[in-house]
C-alpha atoms as a PDB file:
ATOM      1  CA  MET A   1       8.530  20.360 -27.692  1.00  0.00           C
ATOM      2  CA  VAL A   2       8.230  23.929 -28.959  1.00  0.00           C
ATOM      3  CA  PHE A   3       6.537  24.678 -32.264  1.00  0.00           C
ATOM      4  CA  PRO A   4       8.750  27.575 -33.481  1.00  0.00           C
ATOM      5  CA  ARG A   5       7.139  28.187 -36.889  1.00  0.00           C
ATOM      6  CA  THR A   6       4.470  26.268 -38.705  1.00  0.00           C
ATOM      7  CA  ILE A   7       2.392  26.455 -41.832  1.00  0.00           C
ATOM      8  CA  THR A   8      -1.182  25.247 -41.453  1.00  0.00           C
ATOM      9  CA  ILE A   9      -3.597  23.964 -44.061  1.00  0.00           C
ATOM     10  CA  SER A  10      -7.120  22.844 -43.305  1.00  0.00           C
ATOM     11  CA  TYR A  11     -10.575  22.036 -44.533  1.00  0.00           C
ATOM     12  CA  PHE A  12     -12.659  25.008 -43.414  1.00  0.00           C
ATOM     13  CA  GLY A  13     -16.419  24.677 -43.347  1.00  0.00           C
ATOM     14  CA  ASN A  14     -19.177  26.987 -42.282  1.00  0.00           C
ATOM     15  CA  LEU A  15     -21.417  24.563 -40.356  1.00  0.00           C
ATOM     16  CA  LEU A  16     -19.575  21.735 -42.199  1.00  0.00           C
ATOM     17  CA  VAL A  17     -21.894  21.920 -45.241  1.00  0.00           C
ATOM     18  CA  LYS A  18     -20.362  24.987 -46.856  1.00  0.00           C
ATOM     19  CA  PRO A  19     -16.915  23.770 -47.984  1.00  0.00           C
ATOM     20  CA  GLY A  20     -13.724  25.758 -48.007  1.00  0.00           C
ATOM     21  CA  VAL A  21     -10.003  25.809 -47.341  1.00  0.00           C
ATOM     22  CA  LYS A  22      -7.780  27.835 -45.008  1.00  0.00           C
ATOM     23  CA  VAL A  23      -4.002  28.306 -44.958  1.00  0.00           C
ATOM     24  CA  GLY A  24      -1.988  30.080 -42.321  1.00  0.00           C
ATOM     25  CA  ILE A  25       1.340  30.678 -40.671  1.00  0.00           C
ATOM     26  CA  GLU A  26       2.019  30.643 -36.948  1.00  0.00           C
ATOM     27  CA  PHE A  27       4.956  31.847 -34.830  1.00  0.00           C
ATOM     28  CA  VAL A  28       5.713  31.120 -31.177  1.00  0.00           C
ATOM     29  CA  ILE A  29       6.647  34.378 -29.471  1.00  0.00           C
ATOM     30  CA  ALA A  30       6.974  33.113 -25.871  1.00  0.00           C
ATOM     31  CA  HIS A  31       6.908  29.811 -24.036  1.00  0.00           C
ATOM     32  CA  LYS A  32       7.347  28.498 -20.515  1.00  0.00           C
ATOM     33  CA  THR A  33       7.867  24.897 -19.422  1.00  0.00           C
ATOM     34  CA  LYS A  34       6.151  23.605 -16.285  1.00  0.00           C
ATOM     35  CA  VAL A  35       6.917  20.309 -14.563  1.00  0.00           C
ATOM     36  CA  LYS A  36       4.763  18.848 -11.799  1.00  0.00           C
ATOM     37  CA  LYS A  37       6.862  16.584  -9.603  1.00  0.00           C
ATOM     38  CA  LYS A  38       3.952  14.288  -8.811  1.00  0.00           C
ATOM     39  CA  ASN A  39       3.502  11.854 -11.746  1.00  0.00           C
ATOM     40  CA  TYR A  40       6.078  13.892 -13.714  1.00  0.00           C
ATOM     41  CA  LYS A  41       3.505  15.801 -15.747  1.00  0.00           C
ATOM     42  CA  LYS A  42       5.265  18.144 -18.139  1.00  0.00           C
ATOM     43  CA  SER A  43       3.532  20.952 -20.027  1.00  0.00           C
ATOM     44  CA  ILE A  44       4.436  24.007 -22.034  1.00  0.00           C
ATOM     45  CA  ARG A  45       2.506  27.279 -22.051  1.00  0.00           C
ATOM     46  CA  GLN A  46       2.888  29.153 -25.346  1.00  0.00           C
ATOM     47  CA  LEU A  47       1.916  32.535 -26.678  1.00  0.00           C
ATOM     48  CA  THR A  48       1.671  32.462 -30.472  1.00  0.00           C
ATOM     49  CA  VAL A  49       0.569  34.754 -33.267  1.00  0.00           C
ATOM     50  CA  SER A  50      -0.949  33.567 -36.526  1.00  0.00           C
ATOM     51  CA  GLY A  51      -2.185  34.882 -39.833  1.00  0.00           C
ATOM     52  CA  ASN A  52      -4.818  33.029 -41.863  1.00  0.00           C
ATOM     53  CA  LEU A  53      -6.296  33.329 -45.340  1.00  0.00           C
ATOM     54  CA  GLY A  54      -9.225  31.259 -46.505  1.00  0.00           C
ATOM     55  CA  THR A  55     -12.290  30.896 -48.620  1.00  0.00           C
ATOM     56  CA  PHE A  56     -15.553  28.991 -48.534  1.00  0.00           C
ATOM     57  CA  TRP A  57     -18.615  28.583 -50.701  1.00  0.00           C
ATOM     58  CA  HIS A  58     -22.259  28.956 -49.690  1.00  0.00           C
ATOM     59  CA  PRO A  59     -24.178  26.873 -52.268  1.00  0.00           C
ATOM     60  CA  HIS A  60     -26.977  28.835 -53.969  1.00  0.00           C
ATOM     61  CA  SER A  61     -25.851  32.057 -52.277  1.00  0.00           C
ATOM     62  CA  HIS A  62     -22.275  33.353 -52.450  1.00  0.00           C
ATOM     63  CA  ALA A  63     -18.582  32.666 -52.101  1.00  0.00           C
ATOM     64  CA  SER A  64     -16.395  34.357 -49.534  1.00  0.00           C
ATOM     65  CA  LEU A  65     -12.785  35.248 -48.884  1.00  0.00           C
ATOM     66  CA  PHE A  66     -11.524  36.004 -45.379  1.00  0.00           C
ATOM     67  CA  ASN A  67      -8.334  36.983 -43.627  1.00  0.00           C
ATOM     68  CA  PHE A  68      -7.745  37.113 -39.882  1.00  0.00           C
ATOM     69  CA  TYR A  69      -4.874  37.447 -37.428  1.00  0.00           C
ATOM     70  CA  THR A  70      -4.942  36.016 -33.919  1.00  0.00           C
ATOM     71  CA  ALA A  71      -2.984  36.079 -30.684  1.00  0.00           C
ATOM     72  CA  ASN A  72      -3.215  32.578 -29.194  1.00  0.00           C
ATOM     73  CA  TYR A  73      -2.582  30.953 -25.831  1.00  0.00           C
ATOM     74  CA  ARG A  74      -1.741  27.258 -26.126  1.00  0.00           C
ATOM     75  CA  ILE A  75      -1.197  24.619 -23.425  1.00  0.00           C
ATOM     76  CA  VAL A  76       0.863  21.674 -24.688  1.00  0.00           C
ATOM     77  CA  GLU A  77       0.737  18.503 -22.575  1.00  0.00           C
ATOM     78  CA  ILE A  78       3.959  16.682 -23.433  1.00  0.00           C
ATOM     79  CA  ASN A  79       3.132  13.325 -21.797  1.00  0.00           C
ATOM     80  CA  LYS A  80      -0.231  13.058 -23.592  1.00  0.00           C
ATOM     81  CA  ARG A  81       1.045  14.611 -26.864  1.00  0.00           C
ATOM     82  CA  LYS A  82      -1.952  16.935 -27.076  1.00  0.00           C
ATOM     83  CA  PHE A  83      -2.671  20.635 -26.910  1.00  0.00           C
ATOM     84  CA  ASN A  84      -5.527  23.066 -26.280  1.00  0.00           C
ATOM     85  CA  MET A  85      -5.649  26.576 -27.689  1.00  0.00           C
ATOM     86  CA  ILE A  86      -7.683  29.774 -27.467  1.00  0.00           C
ATOM     87  CA  GLY A  87      -7.164  32.778 -29.729  1.00  0.00           C
ATOM     88  CA  ILE A  88      -8.680  36.154 -30.555  1.00  0.00           C
ATOM     89  CA  GLY A  89      -8.020  38.731 -33.222  1.00  0.00           C
ATOM     90  CA  PRO A  90      -9.216  41.059 -35.976  1.00  0.00           C
ATOM     91  CA  GLY A  91     -10.234  39.999 -39.453  1.00  0.00           C
ATOM     92  CA  ILE A  92     -11.970  40.928 -42.675  1.00  0.00           C
ATOM     93  CA  TYR A  93     -14.574  39.014 -44.659  1.00  0.00           C
ATOM     94  CA  ARG A  94     -15.486  39.644 -48.307  1.00  0.00           C
ATOM     95  CA  SER A  95     -18.578  38.130 -49.909  1.00  0.00           C
ATOM     96  CA  PHE A  96     -18.955  37.628 -53.673  1.00  0.00           C
ATOM     97  CA  TYR A  97     -22.434  37.225 -55.175  1.00  0.00           C
ATOM     98  CA  PRO A  98     -22.673  35.329 -58.494  1.00  0.00           C
ATOM     99  CA  GLU A  99     -25.763  36.968 -60.034  1.00  0.00           C
ATOM    100  CA  THR A 100     -26.221  40.619 -59.179  1.00  0.00           C
ATOM    101  CA  TYR A 101     -27.810  43.307 -61.308  1.00  0.00           C
ATOM    102  CA  LYS A 102     -28.132  47.060 -61.128  1.00  0.00           C
ATOM    103  CA  VAL A 103     -30.755  49.386 -62.499  1.00  0.00           C
ATOM    104  CA  ASP A 104     -29.654  52.875 -63.515  1.00  0.00           C
ATOM    105  CA  ASP A 105     -31.789  56.037 -63.377  1.00  0.00           C
ATOM    106  CA  SER A 106     -33.158  55.472 -66.899  1.00  0.00           C
ATOM    107  CA  GLY A 107     -34.341  51.925 -66.047  1.00  0.00           C
ATOM    108  CA  ASN A 108     -31.615  49.987 -67.853  1.00  0.00           C
ATOM    109  CA  VAL A 109     -30.658  46.690 -66.192  1.00  0.00           C
ATOM    110  CA  SER A 110     -27.049  45.500 -66.341  1.00  0.00           C
ATOM    111  CA  SER A 111     -25.047  42.746 -64.730  1.00  0.00           C
ATOM    112  CA  LEU A 112     -22.743  43.725 -61.893  1.00  0.00           C
ATOM    113  CA  SER A 113     -19.441  41.832 -61.688  1.00  0.00           C
ATOM    114  CA  MET A 114     -17.642  41.136 -58.398  1.00  0.00           C
ATOM    115  CA  ALA A 115     -20.640  42.291 -56.368  1.00  0.00           C
ATOM    116  CA  GLY A 116     -20.523  41.696 -52.631  1.00  0.00           C
ATOM    117  CA  ARG A 117     -19.695  43.301 -49.316  1.00  0.00           C
ATOM    118  CA  LEU A 118     -16.635  43.791 -47.144  1.00  0.00           C
ATOM    119  CA  TYR A 119     -17.084  43.306 -43.383  1.00  0.00           C
ATOM    120  CA  PHE A 120     -14.955  43.863 -40.311  1.00  0.00           C
ATOM    121  CA  ALA A 121     -14.909  40.336 -38.861  1.00  0.00           C
ATOM    122  CA  PRO A 122     -13.134  39.733 -35.535  1.00  0.00           C
ATOM    123  CA  VAL A 123     -12.724  36.079 -34.579  1.00  0.00           C
ATOM    124  CA  ILE A 124     -12.477  33.890 -31.488  1.00  0.00           C
ATOM    125  CA  VAL A 125     -10.832  30.491 -32.023  1.00  0.00           C
ATOM    126  CA  LEU A 126     -11.002  27.440 -29.728  1.00  0.00           C
ATOM    127  CA  GLY A 127      -8.874  24.462 -30.708  1.00  0.00           C
ATOM    128  CA  VAL A 128      -7.549  21.047 -29.743  1.00  0.00           C
ATOM    129  CA  GLY A 129      -4.989  18.797 -31.361  1.00  0.00           C
ATOM    130  CA  LYS A 130      -2.381  16.058 -31.192  1.00  0.00           C
ATOM    131  CA  PHE A 131       1.287  16.392 -32.120  1.00  0.00           C
ATOM    132  CA  LYS A 132       4.382  14.353 -32.975  1.00  0.00           C
ATOM    133  CA  GLU A 133       7.879  15.419 -32.016  1.00  0.00           C
ATOM    134  CA  ASN A 134      10.477  16.271 -34.675  1.00  0.00           C
ATOM    135  CA  LYS A 135       8.297  15.398 -37.674  1.00  0.00           C
ATOM    136  CA  THR A 136       7.573  17.489 -40.756  1.00  0.00           C
ATOM    137  CA  ILE A 137       3.822  17.069 -40.287  1.00  0.00           C
ATOM    138  CA  GLN A 138       3.956  17.994 -36.646  1.00  0.00           C
ATOM    139  CA  SER A 139       0.292  18.002 -35.635  1.00  0.00           C
ATOM    140  CA  TRP A 140      -3.355  17.743 -36.563  1.00  0.00           C
ATOM    141  CA  TYR A 141      -5.953  20.044 -35.049  1.00  0.00           C
ATOM    142  CA  PHE A 142      -9.654  20.825 -34.857  1.00  0.00           C
ATOM    143  CA  ASN A 143     -10.705  24.456 -34.398  1.00  0.00           C
ATOM    144  CA  THR A 144     -14.050  26.073 -33.751  1.00  0.00           C
ATOM    145  CA  ASN A 145     -14.124  29.615 -35.145  1.00  0.00           C
ATOM    146  CA  PHE A 146     -16.597  32.279 -34.022  1.00  0.00           C
ATOM    147  CA  MET A 147     -16.427  35.121 -36.567  1.00  0.00           C
ATOM    148  CA  PHE A 148     -18.616  38.198 -36.105  1.00  0.00           C
ATOM    149  CA  LEU A 149     -19.593  40.175 -39.225  1.00  0.00           C
ATOM    150  CA  PHE A 150     -20.046  43.828 -38.281  1.00  0.00           C
ATOM    151  CA  ASP A 151     -22.375  46.164 -40.189  1.00  0.00           C
ATOM    152  CA  TYR A 152     -24.298  43.238 -41.651  1.00  0.00           C
ATOM    153  CA  ASN A 153     -27.670  44.851 -42.450  1.00  0.00           C
ATOM    154  CA  THR A 154     -26.907  47.389 -39.680  1.00  0.00           C
ATOM    155  CA  GLY A 155     -26.225  44.665 -37.121  1.00  0.00           C
ATOM    156  CA  VAL A 156     -23.703  42.046 -36.071  1.00  0.00           C
ATOM    157  CA  VAL A 157     -24.067  38.490 -37.349  1.00  0.00           C
ATOM    158  CA  PRO A 158     -22.138  35.577 -35.793  1.00  0.00           C
ATOM    159  CA  LEU A 159     -20.648  33.063 -38.221  1.00  0.00           C
ATOM    160  CA  LEU A 160     -19.776  29.658 -36.758  1.00  0.00           C
ATOM    161  CA  SER A 161     -17.177  27.655 -38.683  1.00  0.00           C
ATOM    162  CA  PHE A 162     -14.991  24.617 -38.111  1.00  0.00           C
ATOM    163  CA  ASP A 163     -11.652  23.622 -39.526  1.00  0.00           C
ATOM    164  CA  ILE A 164      -9.674  20.418 -39.331  1.00  0.00           C
ATOM    165  CA  GLY A 165      -6.140  20.464 -40.570  1.00  0.00           C
ATOM    166  CA  LEU A 166      -2.437  19.806 -40.360  1.00  0.00           C
ATOM    167  CA  ALA A 167       0.428  21.912 -39.045  1.00  0.00           C
ATOM    168  CA  ILE A 168       3.618  21.526 -41.078  1.00  0.00           C
ATOM    169  CA  SER A 169       6.945  22.517 -39.566  1.00  0.00           C
ATOM    170  CA  PHE A 170       9.468  24.210 -41.811  1.00  0.00           C
ATOM    171  CA  LYS A 171      12.143  24.315 -39.116  1.00  0.00           C
ATOM    172  CA  ARG A 172      12.628  21.509 -36.645  1.00  0.00           C
ATOM    173  CA  LYS A 173      13.570  22.554 -33.147  1.00  0.00           C
ATOM    174  CA  HIS A 174      13.485  20.797 -29.803  1.00  0.00           C
ATOM    175  CA  ASN A 175      13.519  22.907 -26.631  1.00  0.00           C
ATOM    176  CA  ASP A 176      12.401  21.930 -23.148  1.00  0.00           C
END
C-alpha cells in the first residue's frame, strides 16, 4: 500500500483545550518495500512532503493562524495496517489579538485592528495511525506537534499541540 497523494483534515488543539482545525496535502516522493521472510512481515518505508494550514483559538487571549511544511519519514506495517511517522520543517505562526489599543504622541487612545505578531515557527511532528487499503478515507492519525516560536519576547517558546484527523485519498493506487 502506497499513499501517493492525500488531503488531511484534523481537529488541532493546543494542549487539547484550545480548539482549532488543520488541513493539509501530502505527497509520497520515495518508497521502498521490505519483506522479512520469517513470519512474512511486510513494511514500506516512505519519504513524504506535506504542507499544512491551520488555526486555533486561545480563549481569553488570541486566535492564531499557522502554516508549516514538513519532510516526513513514515514506516507502514502492512500486516498490522498501521504506520509511524516523524517529520520536521519550517513554518510561520501569526497571532491575532482581539482588543488592542495604541496611544499616539499626543495621548489619544485608539483601537488597533488586526493586531498581533508574526513568528518563524519550525515544527517537529511525531505521528501514529491506522489505514485501510483502497478506500477514499484511507487512514486516521494522531500527531504530536512541537512548534517553536522564535523571537517571542526575545526568546524561543515551545508550543505543544495535538491533532487527530483523517487522510483522504484523491487517487487510489496500489503498489507493493
